[in-house]
């Protein structure tokens, strides 16, 4: 389903992906609970509570949906919908395909412009091999986080595990960059 219908922008507005929803919750908690005027110990405790609450809520929601999907007629469609919204297969391929098209259309300079948002490297310094390498590395990383990890968590722990992964991915997206105000939330999420 994701391979055929994935990366639909309008669907993301109507039915956001679970990692995006949980990233929004983590961002809200970060703004409300992780203020610079609080002590390190207070922020660390608030970070642990945030991680615990978001992870617990994700597991509880996954367990509830699993019960509904096992008991209700057609409930498997709900589980399939959540599973397909947690996977991201088409996005990585789209980025690599756009880079390849830009290289074919306008050469290295167009490729650099297309790959620049996908990489942390300085795109202006990349040759054609560097542009291709950056696009492939980005695609591989997105496939790992958008397909391999969620499928592994789903295979091992069913829907509660999948939503636990979504919570971890959402928190990483919001508090995964080290800055002083986010240190304590980051400290807790990386240790857990």
N, C-alpha and C. Protein backbone atom coordinates (compact mmCIF):
# COMPACT_ATOMS: atom_id res chain seq x y z
N UNK A 1 0.84 -1.19 0.00
CA UNK A 1 0.00 0.00 0.00
C UNK A 1 0.88 1.25 0.00
N UNK A 2 1.88 1.27 0.90
CA UNK A 2 2.77 2.43 1.00
C UNK A 2 3.55 2.64 -0.28
N UNK A 3 4.02 1.56 -0.90
CA UNK A 3 4.82 1.69 -2.12
C UNK A 3 4.01 2.29 -3.25
N UNK A 4 2.72 1.96 -3.33
CA UNK A 4 1.88 2.47 -4.41
C UNK A 4 1.29 3.83 -4.10
N UNK A 5 0.85 4.03 -2.87
CA UNK A 5 0.13 5.26 -2.53
C UNK A 5 0.87 6.18 -1.59
N UNK A 6 2.10 5.83 -1.22
CA UNK A 6 2.83 6.61 -0.23
C UNK A 6 3.22 7.98 -0.73
N UNK A 7 3.65 8.82 0.20
CA UNK A 7 4.13 10.17 -0.07
C UNK A 7 3.03 11.06 -0.66
N UNK A 8 1.80 10.87 -0.18
CA UNK A 8 0.69 11.72 -0.61
C UNK A 8 0.57 12.89 0.36
N UNK A 9 0.88 14.08 -0.09
CA UNK A 9 0.90 15.25 0.78
C UNK A 9 -0.48 15.54 1.38
N UNK A 10 -1.54 15.39 0.58
CA UNK A 10 -2.87 15.69 1.08
C UNK A 10 -3.27 14.72 2.19
N UNK A 11 -2.84 13.47 2.10
CA UNK A 11 -3.16 12.49 3.13
C UNK A 11 -2.44 12.83 4.44
N UNK A 12 -1.24 13.39 4.35
CA UNK A 12 -0.52 13.80 5.54
C UNK A 12 -1.26 14.92 6.28
N UNK A 13 -1.98 15.76 5.55
CA UNK A 13 -2.76 16.82 6.19
C UNK A 13 -4.03 16.25 6.83
N UNK A 14 -4.66 15.27 6.18
CA UNK A 14 -5.90 14.69 6.68
C UNK A 14 -5.62 13.68 7.79
N UNK A 15 -4.66 12.78 7.57
CA UNK A 15 -4.32 11.73 8.51
C UNK A 15 -2.80 11.70 8.68
N UNK A 16 -2.27 12.49 9.60
CA UNK A 16 -0.81 12.56 9.76
C UNK A 16 -0.21 11.22 10.15
N UNK A 17 1.04 11.04 9.83
CA UNK A 17 1.75 9.82 10.21
C UNK A 17 1.95 9.82 11.73
N UNK A 18 1.87 8.64 12.36
CA UNK A 18 2.08 8.58 13.82
C UNK A 18 3.39 9.19 14.29
N UNK A 19 4.54 8.99 13.60
CA UNK A 19 5.75 9.68 14.08
C UNK A 19 5.61 11.20 14.06
N UNK A 20 4.89 11.75 13.08
CA UNK A 20 4.69 13.19 13.02
C UNK A 20 3.78 13.67 14.16
N UNK A 21 2.73 12.89 14.46
CA UNK A 21 1.86 13.25 15.58
C UNK A 21 2.62 13.24 16.90
N UNK A 22 3.43 12.20 17.09
CA UNK A 22 4.19 12.10 18.33
C UNK A 22 5.32 13.13 18.39
N UNK A 23 5.84 13.52 17.24
CA UNK A 23 6.83 14.61 17.21
C UNK A 23 6.17 15.92 17.64
N UNK A 24 4.93 16.13 17.23
CA UNK A 24 4.20 17.32 17.66
C UNK A 24 3.98 17.32 19.17
N UNK A 25 3.64 16.17 19.73
CA UNK A 25 3.47 16.06 21.18
C UNK A 25 4.79 16.31 21.90
N UNK A 26 5.89 15.77 21.36
CA UNK A 26 7.20 15.99 21.97
C UNK A 26 7.60 17.46 21.87
N UNK A 27 7.28 18.12 20.77
CA UNK A 27 7.60 19.55 20.62
C UNK A 27 6.80 20.38 21.62
N UNK A 28 5.54 20.04 21.80
CA UNK A 28 4.72 20.73 22.79
C UNK A 28 5.32 20.57 24.19
N UNK A 29 5.68 19.33 24.54
CA UNK A 29 6.28 19.08 25.85
C UNK A 29 7.61 19.80 26.00
N UNK A 30 8.38 19.86 24.93
CA UNK A 30 9.67 20.55 24.97
C UNK A 30 9.48 22.04 25.24
N UNK A 31 8.51 22.65 24.58
CA UNK A 31 8.24 24.07 24.79
C UNK A 31 7.72 24.34 26.20
N UNK A 32 6.86 23.48 26.71
CA UNK A 32 6.23 23.71 28.01
C UNK A 32 7.11 23.32 29.20
N UNK A 33 7.90 22.26 29.05
CA UNK A 33 8.58 21.69 30.21
C UNK A 33 10.08 21.93 30.24
N UNK A 34 10.67 22.31 29.16
CA UNK A 34 12.13 22.40 29.08
C UNK A 34 12.58 23.86 28.95
N UNK A 35 12.33 24.60 29.98
CA UNK A 35 12.67 26.02 29.97
C UNK A 35 14.03 26.24 30.60
N UNK A 36 14.76 27.19 30.09
CA UNK A 36 16.14 27.44 30.48
C UNK A 36 16.25 27.87 31.94
N UNK A 37 15.23 28.51 32.48
CA UNK A 37 15.32 28.98 33.87
C UNK A 37 15.18 27.85 34.89
N UNK A 38 14.81 26.68 34.46
CA UNK A 38 14.70 25.54 35.37
C UNK A 38 16.06 24.88 35.58
N UNK A 39 16.21 24.22 36.71
CA UNK A 39 17.48 23.56 37.00
C UNK A 39 17.67 22.33 36.10
N UNK A 40 18.92 21.89 35.99
CA UNK A 40 19.21 20.70 35.18
C UNK A 40 18.47 19.48 35.71
N UNK A 41 18.41 19.33 37.02
CA UNK A 41 17.71 18.20 37.62
C UNK A 41 16.23 18.22 37.31
N UNK A 42 15.63 19.39 37.36
CA UNK A 42 14.21 19.53 37.06
C UNK A 42 13.94 19.20 35.59
N UNK A 43 14.78 19.72 34.72
CA UNK A 43 14.59 19.43 33.29
C UNK A 43 14.83 17.97 32.98
N UNK A 44 15.79 17.35 33.66
CA UNK A 44 16.05 15.92 33.45
C UNK A 44 14.83 15.10 33.88
N UNK A 45 14.26 15.43 35.04
CA UNK A 45 13.08 14.72 35.52
C UNK A 45 11.91 14.91 34.57
N UNK A 46 11.70 16.13 34.12
CA UNK A 46 10.63 16.42 33.17
C UNK A 46 10.87 15.69 31.84
N UNK A 47 12.12 15.57 31.43
CA UNK A 47 12.43 14.82 30.23
C UNK A 47 12.12 13.35 30.38
N UNK A 48 12.46 12.78 31.53
CA UNK A 48 12.15 11.36 31.78
C UNK A 48 10.64 11.14 31.79
N UNK A 49 9.91 12.06 32.43
CA UNK A 49 8.46 11.93 32.46
C UNK A 49 7.87 12.05 31.06
N UNK A 50 8.38 12.96 30.26
CA UNK A 50 7.89 13.13 28.89
C UNK A 50 8.12 11.86 28.08
N UNK A 51 9.33 11.33 28.15
CA UNK A 51 9.63 10.09 27.42
C UNK A 51 8.73 8.97 27.90
N UNK A 52 8.56 8.83 29.21
CA UNK A 52 7.71 7.77 29.76
C UNK A 52 6.26 7.91 29.35
N UNK A 53 5.73 9.13 29.42
CA UNK A 53 4.33 9.35 29.06
C UNK A 53 4.10 9.10 27.58
N UNK A 54 4.96 9.64 26.72
CA UNK A 54 4.76 9.43 25.28
C UNK A 54 4.92 7.96 24.89
N UNK A 55 5.93 7.31 25.44
CA UNK A 55 6.12 5.88 25.13
C UNK A 55 4.97 5.05 25.67
N UNK A 56 4.54 5.33 26.90
CA UNK A 56 3.42 4.59 27.48
C UNK A 56 2.13 4.81 26.72
N UNK A 57 1.88 6.05 26.32
CA UNK A 57 0.67 6.34 25.54
C UNK A 57 0.69 5.63 24.20
N UNK A 58 1.85 5.58 23.58
CA UNK A 58 1.96 4.90 22.27
C UNK A 58 1.70 3.40 22.43
N UNK A 59 2.29 2.79 23.44
CA UNK A 59 2.09 1.35 23.66
C UNK A 59 0.62 1.07 24.01
N UNK A 60 0.03 1.91 24.86
CA UNK A 60 -1.38 1.72 25.23
C UNK A 60 -2.29 1.88 24.02
N UNK A 61 -2.03 2.88 23.19
CA UNK A 61 -2.83 3.06 21.98
C UNK A 61 -2.67 1.87 21.05
N UNK A 62 -1.45 1.37 20.92
CA UNK A 62 -1.23 0.19 20.07
C UNK A 62 -1.95 -1.03 20.60
N UNK A 63 -1.94 -1.23 21.92
CA UNK A 63 -2.65 -2.36 22.51
C UNK A 63 -4.16 -2.23 22.30
N UNK A 64 -4.68 -1.01 22.46
CA UNK A 64 -6.12 -0.79 22.27
C UNK A 64 -6.53 -1.06 20.82
N UNK A 65 -5.75 -0.56 19.88
CA UNK A 65 -6.07 -0.79 18.47
C UNK A 65 -5.95 -2.28 18.13
N UNK A 66 -4.97 -2.96 18.72
CA UNK A 66 -4.81 -4.39 18.49
C UNK A 66 -6.04 -5.15 18.97
N UNK A 67 -6.55 -4.81 20.14
CA UNK A 67 -7.75 -5.46 20.66
C UNK A 67 -8.94 -5.21 19.74
N UNK A 68 -9.11 -3.96 19.32
CA UNK A 68 -10.21 -3.63 18.42
C UNK A 68 -10.06 -4.35 17.09
N UNK A 69 -8.85 -4.38 16.56
CA UNK A 69 -8.65 -5.01 15.24
C UNK A 69 -8.84 -6.52 15.30
N UNK A 70 -8.63 -7.13 16.46
CA UNK A 70 -8.81 -8.58 16.59
C UNK A 70 -10.27 -8.96 16.86
N UNK A 71 -11.04 -8.04 17.44
CA UNK A 71 -12.41 -8.39 17.82
C UNK A 71 -13.46 -7.85 16.87
N UNK A 72 -13.24 -6.72 16.28
CA UNK A 72 -14.25 -6.10 15.41
C UNK A 72 -14.13 -6.64 13.99
N UNK A 73 -15.28 -6.75 13.35
CA UNK A 73 -15.29 -7.17 11.94
C UNK A 73 -14.65 -6.06 11.11
N UNK A 74 -13.69 -6.42 10.31
CA UNK A 74 -12.99 -5.44 9.49
C UNK A 74 -12.00 -4.60 10.27
N UNK A 75 -11.75 -4.97 11.51
CA UNK A 75 -10.81 -4.23 12.34
C UNK A 75 -9.38 -4.29 11.82
N UNK A 76 -9.08 -5.31 11.05
CA UNK A 76 -7.74 -5.44 10.48
C UNK A 76 -7.43 -4.27 9.55
N UNK A 77 -8.47 -3.65 8.98
CA UNK A 77 -8.24 -2.49 8.12
C UNK A 77 -7.64 -1.33 8.90
N UNK A 78 -8.09 -1.15 10.15
CA UNK A 78 -7.53 -0.10 11.00
C UNK A 78 -6.05 -0.36 11.27
N UNK A 79 -5.71 -1.60 11.59
CA UNK A 79 -4.31 -1.94 11.82
C UNK A 79 -3.48 -1.75 10.56
N UNK A 80 -4.03 -2.14 9.41
CA UNK A 80 -3.33 -1.95 8.14
C UNK A 80 -3.12 -0.47 7.85
N UNK A 81 -4.11 0.35 8.15
CA UNK A 81 -3.99 1.79 7.92
C UNK A 81 -2.89 2.38 8.79
N UNK A 82 -2.85 2.01 10.06
CA UNK A 82 -1.81 2.52 10.96
C UNK A 82 -0.44 2.03 10.51
N UNK A 83 -0.36 0.76 10.14
CA UNK A 83 0.92 0.21 9.66
C UNK A 83 1.39 0.95 8.42
N UNK A 84 0.50 1.18 7.48
CA UNK A 84 0.92 1.86 6.25
C UNK A 84 1.29 3.32 6.51
N UNK A 85 0.68 3.96 7.51
CA UNK A 85 1.02 5.34 7.83
C UNK A 85 2.36 5.44 8.57
N UNK A 86 2.78 4.34 9.21
CA UNK A 86 4.08 4.35 9.90
C UNK A 86 5.23 4.06 8.94
N UNK A 87 4.95 3.44 7.83
CA UNK A 87 6.01 3.10 6.87
C UNK A 87 6.25 4.26 5.92
N UNK A 88 7.48 4.39 5.48
CA UNK A 88 7.83 5.41 4.50
C UNK A 88 8.76 4.77 3.48
N UNK A 89 8.18 4.20 2.46
CA UNK A 89 8.96 3.53 1.42
C UNK A 89 9.14 4.41 0.20
N UNK A 90 8.14 5.14 -0.13
CA UNK A 90 8.18 5.92 -1.36
C UNK A 90 9.05 7.18 -1.25
N UNK A 91 9.07 7.80 -0.07
CA UNK A 91 9.83 9.04 0.12
C UNK A 91 11.30 8.93 -0.22
N UNK A 92 12.00 7.90 0.28
CA UNK A 92 13.43 7.79 -0.07
C UNK A 92 13.67 7.62 -1.55
N UNK A 93 12.82 6.85 -2.20
CA UNK A 93 13.00 6.65 -3.64
C UNK A 93 12.74 7.93 -4.41
N UNK A 94 11.79 8.72 -3.93
CA UNK A 94 11.48 9.99 -4.60
C UNK A 94 12.69 10.92 -4.56
N UNK A 95 13.35 11.03 -3.41
CA UNK A 95 14.53 11.89 -3.31
C UNK A 95 15.66 11.45 -4.22
N UNK A 96 15.89 10.14 -4.29
CA UNK A 96 16.96 9.64 -5.16
C UNK A 96 16.59 9.83 -6.64
N UNK A 97 15.31 9.59 -6.96
CA UNK A 97 14.87 9.75 -8.35
C UNK A 97 14.97 11.21 -8.79
N UNK A 98 14.59 12.14 -7.92
CA UNK A 98 14.68 13.56 -8.26
C UNK A 98 16.13 13.98 -8.48
N UNK A 99 17.04 13.45 -7.68
CA UNK A 99 18.46 13.77 -7.85
C UNK A 99 18.98 13.22 -9.18
N UNK A 100 18.61 11.99 -9.51
CA UNK A 100 19.03 11.39 -10.79
C UNK A 100 18.47 12.18 -11.97
N UNK A 101 17.21 12.59 -11.88
CA UNK A 101 16.60 13.39 -12.96
C UNK A 101 17.30 14.74 -13.09
N UNK A 102 17.64 15.37 -11.96
CA UNK A 102 18.32 16.66 -12.01
C UNK A 102 19.70 16.52 -12.64
N UNK A 103 20.41 15.44 -12.30
CA UNK A 103 21.72 15.21 -12.92
C UNK A 103 21.60 15.01 -14.42
N UNK A 104 20.60 14.27 -14.86
CA UNK A 104 20.40 14.02 -16.29
C UNK A 104 19.97 15.30 -17.00
N UNK A 105 19.16 16.10 -16.35
CA UNK A 105 18.62 17.30 -16.96
C UNK A 105 19.62 18.45 -17.01
N UNK A 106 20.30 18.71 -15.88
CA UNK A 106 21.14 19.91 -15.82
C UNK A 106 22.56 19.68 -15.37
N UNK A 107 22.98 18.42 -15.27
CA UNK A 107 24.35 18.14 -14.89
C UNK A 107 24.59 18.27 -13.40
N UNK A 108 25.86 18.44 -13.06
CA UNK A 108 26.28 18.44 -11.67
C UNK A 108 25.65 19.61 -10.90
N UNK A 109 25.56 20.77 -11.52
CA UNK A 109 25.03 21.94 -10.81
C UNK A 109 23.58 21.73 -10.39
N UNK A 110 22.75 21.19 -11.27
CA UNK A 110 21.36 20.88 -10.92
C UNK A 110 21.29 19.80 -9.86
N UNK A 111 22.17 18.81 -9.97
CA UNK A 111 22.23 17.74 -8.97
C UNK A 111 22.58 18.29 -7.60
N UNK A 112 23.50 19.23 -7.54
CA UNK A 112 23.88 19.84 -6.27
C UNK A 112 22.69 20.56 -5.64
N UNK A 113 21.94 21.31 -6.45
CA UNK A 113 20.78 22.02 -5.94
C UNK A 113 19.73 21.06 -5.40
N UNK A 114 19.56 19.93 -6.08
CA UNK A 114 18.55 18.96 -5.66
C UNK A 114 18.97 18.19 -4.42
N UNK A 115 20.26 17.87 -4.31
CA UNK A 115 20.72 17.05 -3.18
C UNK A 115 21.02 17.90 -1.94
N UNK A 116 21.12 19.20 -2.08
CA UNK A 116 21.47 20.06 -0.94
C UNK A 116 20.54 19.90 0.26
N UNK A 117 19.20 19.87 0.07
CA UNK A 117 18.34 19.69 1.25
C UNK A 117 18.41 18.29 1.86
N UNK A 118 18.97 17.34 1.14
CA UNK A 118 19.01 15.96 1.60
C UNK A 118 20.24 15.62 2.42
N UNK A 119 21.23 16.50 2.44
CA UNK A 119 22.50 16.15 3.08
C UNK A 119 23.01 17.27 3.98
N UNK A 120 23.87 16.89 4.91
CA UNK A 120 24.52 17.88 5.76
C UNK A 120 25.82 18.39 5.13
N UNK A 121 26.22 17.76 4.05
CA UNK A 121 27.47 18.16 3.38
C UNK A 121 27.29 19.50 2.68
N UNK A 122 28.40 20.10 2.36
CA UNK A 122 28.36 21.34 1.58
C UNK A 122 28.19 20.96 0.12
N UNK A 123 26.97 21.14 -0.38
CA UNK A 123 26.63 20.67 -1.72
C UNK A 123 27.47 21.33 -2.81
N UNK A 124 27.88 22.56 -2.58
CA UNK A 124 28.64 23.28 -3.61
C UNK A 124 29.97 22.60 -3.90
N UNK A 125 30.48 21.81 -2.96
CA UNK A 125 31.80 21.18 -3.15
C UNK A 125 31.72 19.77 -3.72
N UNK A 126 30.53 19.25 -3.98
CA UNK A 126 30.38 17.88 -4.44
C UNK A 126 30.59 17.76 -5.94
N UNK A 127 31.34 16.73 -6.34
CA UNK A 127 31.40 16.40 -7.76
C UNK A 127 30.24 15.45 -8.06
N UNK A 128 30.17 14.92 -9.27
CA UNK A 128 29.04 14.07 -9.64
C UNK A 128 28.95 12.83 -8.75
N UNK A 129 30.10 12.26 -8.41
CA UNK A 129 30.11 11.08 -7.55
C UNK A 129 29.65 11.43 -6.14
N UNK A 130 30.03 12.59 -5.66
CA UNK A 130 29.60 13.05 -4.34
C UNK A 130 28.11 13.30 -4.28
N UNK A 131 27.55 13.86 -5.37
CA UNK A 131 26.11 14.11 -5.44
C UNK A 131 25.36 12.78 -5.38
N UNK A 132 25.81 11.82 -6.17
CA UNK A 132 25.16 10.50 -6.19
C UNK A 132 25.30 9.83 -4.83
N UNK A 133 26.50 9.89 -4.26
CA UNK A 133 26.73 9.27 -2.95
C UNK A 133 25.84 9.90 -1.88
N UNK A 134 25.70 11.22 -1.89
CA UNK A 134 24.87 11.90 -0.90
C UNK A 134 23.40 11.49 -1.06
N UNK A 135 22.94 11.38 -2.30
CA UNK A 135 21.55 10.97 -2.53
C UNK A 135 21.31 9.53 -2.08
N UNK A 136 22.26 8.65 -2.37
CA UNK A 136 22.11 7.24 -1.98
C UNK A 136 22.20 7.09 -0.46
N UNK A 137 23.11 7.82 0.18
CA UNK A 137 23.21 7.76 1.64
C UNK A 137 21.93 8.25 2.29
N UNK A 138 21.37 9.33 1.76
CA UNK A 138 20.12 9.84 2.29
C UNK A 138 19.00 8.81 2.11
N UNK A 139 18.93 8.23 0.92
CA UNK A 139 17.91 7.21 0.66
C UNK A 139 18.06 6.00 1.57
N UNK A 140 19.29 5.55 1.78
CA UNK A 140 19.53 4.39 2.65
C UNK A 140 19.14 4.71 4.09
N UNK A 141 19.48 5.90 4.56
CA UNK A 141 19.12 6.27 5.93
C UNK A 141 17.61 6.37 6.09
N UNK A 142 16.94 6.93 5.09
CA UNK A 142 15.48 7.04 5.15
C UNK A 142 14.82 5.67 5.05
N UNK A 143 15.38 4.76 4.26
CA UNK A 143 14.83 3.40 4.20
C UNK A 143 15.01 2.69 5.53
N UNK A 144 16.13 2.91 6.18
CA UNK A 144 16.36 2.29 7.48
C UNK A 144 15.35 2.78 8.51
N UNK A 145 15.14 4.09 8.58
CA UNK A 145 14.23 4.64 9.58
C UNK A 145 12.77 4.58 9.14
N UNK A 146 12.51 4.48 7.86
CA UNK A 146 11.14 4.49 7.38
C UNK A 146 10.58 3.13 7.02
N UNK A 147 11.45 2.12 6.91
CA UNK A 147 10.96 0.79 6.54
C UNK A 147 11.52 -0.29 7.47
N UNK A 148 12.83 -0.39 7.56
CA UNK A 148 13.44 -1.49 8.31
C UNK A 148 13.08 -1.43 9.79
N UNK A 149 13.28 -0.28 10.43
CA UNK A 149 13.01 -0.16 11.86
C UNK A 149 11.54 -0.38 12.19
N UNK A 150 10.60 0.26 11.49
CA UNK A 150 9.20 0.02 11.85
C UNK A 150 8.76 -1.43 11.59
N UNK A 151 9.23 -2.03 10.52
CA UNK A 151 8.85 -3.42 10.25
C UNK A 151 9.43 -4.34 11.32
N UNK A 152 10.66 -4.09 11.74
CA UNK A 152 11.27 -4.90 12.80
C UNK A 152 10.48 -4.78 14.10
N UNK A 153 10.14 -3.55 14.51
CA UNK A 153 9.37 -3.37 15.73
C UNK A 153 7.99 -4.00 15.61
N UNK A 154 7.37 -3.91 14.43
CA UNK A 154 6.05 -4.53 14.22
C UNK A 154 6.16 -6.05 14.26
N UNK A 155 7.18 -6.61 13.64
CA UNK A 155 7.36 -8.06 13.63
C UNK A 155 7.63 -8.60 15.03
N UNK A 156 8.39 -7.87 15.83
CA UNK A 156 8.74 -8.34 17.17
C UNK A 156 7.64 -8.08 18.20
N UNK A 157 6.99 -6.92 18.13
CA UNK A 157 6.09 -6.52 19.21
C UNK A 157 4.70 -6.12 18.73
N UNK A 158 4.35 -6.41 17.50
CA UNK A 158 3.04 -6.09 16.92
C UNK A 158 2.80 -4.57 16.94
N UNK A 159 1.55 -4.18 16.95
CA UNK A 159 1.21 -2.75 16.85
C UNK A 159 1.71 -1.92 18.03
N UNK A 160 1.68 -2.41 19.28
CA UNK A 160 2.26 -1.60 20.36
C UNK A 160 3.74 -1.30 20.12
N UNK A 161 4.50 -2.25 19.61
CA UNK A 161 5.91 -2.01 19.31
C UNK A 161 6.09 -1.02 18.18
N UNK A 162 5.23 -1.10 17.17
CA UNK A 162 5.31 -0.17 16.05
C UNK A 162 5.07 1.26 16.54
N UNK A 163 4.07 1.44 17.39
CA UNK A 163 3.80 2.79 17.88
C UNK A 163 4.85 3.25 18.89
N UNK A 164 5.48 2.32 19.60
CA UNK A 164 6.61 2.68 20.44
C UNK A 164 7.76 3.19 19.58
N UNK A 165 8.02 2.53 18.46
CA UNK A 165 9.03 3.02 17.52
C UNK A 165 8.65 4.42 17.02
N UNK A 166 7.35 4.61 16.69
CA UNK A 166 6.90 5.91 16.20
C UNK A 166 7.14 7.00 17.25
N UNK A 167 6.92 6.67 18.52
CA UNK A 167 7.18 7.64 19.59
C UNK A 167 8.66 7.97 19.67
N UNK A 168 9.51 6.94 19.59
CA UNK A 168 10.95 7.18 19.64
C UNK A 168 11.41 8.00 18.44
N UNK A 169 10.88 7.71 17.26
CA UNK A 169 11.26 8.46 16.06
C UNK A 169 10.78 9.91 16.15
N UNK A 170 9.58 10.12 16.68
CA UNK A 170 9.06 11.47 16.83
C UNK A 170 9.86 12.28 17.83
N UNK A 171 10.21 11.65 18.97
CA UNK A 171 11.01 12.36 19.97
C UNK A 171 12.40 12.67 19.44
N UNK A 172 12.97 11.74 18.69
CA UNK A 172 14.30 11.97 18.12
C UNK A 172 14.28 13.15 17.15
N UNK A 173 13.21 13.24 16.38
CA UNK A 173 13.11 14.32 15.40
C UNK A 173 13.07 15.68 16.10
N UNK A 174 12.39 15.76 17.23
CA UNK A 174 12.22 17.03 17.91
C UNK A 174 13.38 17.35 18.83
N UNK A 175 13.82 16.38 19.62
CA UNK A 175 14.84 16.66 20.63
C UNK A 175 16.14 15.96 20.33
N UNK A 176 16.35 15.57 19.09
CA UNK A 176 17.56 14.84 18.73
C UNK A 176 18.74 15.72 18.40
N UNK A 177 18.59 17.04 18.45
CA UNK A 177 19.69 17.95 18.16
C UNK A 177 20.14 18.58 19.47
N UNK A 178 21.42 18.56 19.71
CA UNK A 178 21.94 19.04 20.99
C UNK A 178 22.00 20.56 21.00
N UNK A 179 21.18 21.15 21.84
CA UNK A 179 21.27 22.56 22.18
C UNK A 179 21.08 22.62 23.69
N UNK A 180 21.55 23.66 24.33
CA UNK A 180 21.49 23.74 25.78
C UNK A 180 20.09 23.54 26.34
N UNK A 181 19.05 24.22 25.83
CA UNK A 181 17.73 24.03 26.42
C UNK A 181 17.19 22.60 26.28
N UNK A 182 17.60 21.88 25.26
CA UNK A 182 17.07 20.54 25.04
C UNK A 182 17.94 19.46 25.63
N UNK A 183 19.00 19.81 26.30
CA UNK A 183 19.96 18.82 26.76
C UNK A 183 19.33 17.74 27.62
N UNK A 184 18.51 18.13 28.57
CA UNK A 184 17.98 17.15 29.52
C UNK A 184 16.98 16.22 28.86
N UNK A 185 16.11 16.73 28.01
CA UNK A 185 15.20 15.84 27.28
C UNK A 185 16.00 14.92 26.36
N UNK A 186 17.01 15.44 25.71
CA UNK A 186 17.86 14.63 24.85
C UNK A 186 18.60 13.58 25.65
N UNK A 187 19.11 13.96 26.79
CA UNK A 187 19.85 13.04 27.66
C UNK A 187 18.98 11.83 28.00
N UNK A 188 17.74 12.08 28.34
CA UNK A 188 16.84 11.00 28.71
C UNK A 188 16.47 10.15 27.51
N UNK A 189 16.16 10.75 26.37
CA UNK A 189 15.72 9.97 25.23
C UNK A 189 16.86 9.13 24.64
N UNK A 190 18.08 9.60 24.73
CA UNK A 190 19.20 8.83 24.19
C UNK A 190 19.60 7.69 25.11
N UNK A 191 19.36 7.85 26.39
CA UNK A 191 19.73 6.80 27.34
C UNK A 191 18.70 5.69 27.35
N UNK A 192 17.44 5.99 26.97
CA UNK A 192 16.36 5.02 27.07
C UNK A 192 16.24 4.15 25.92
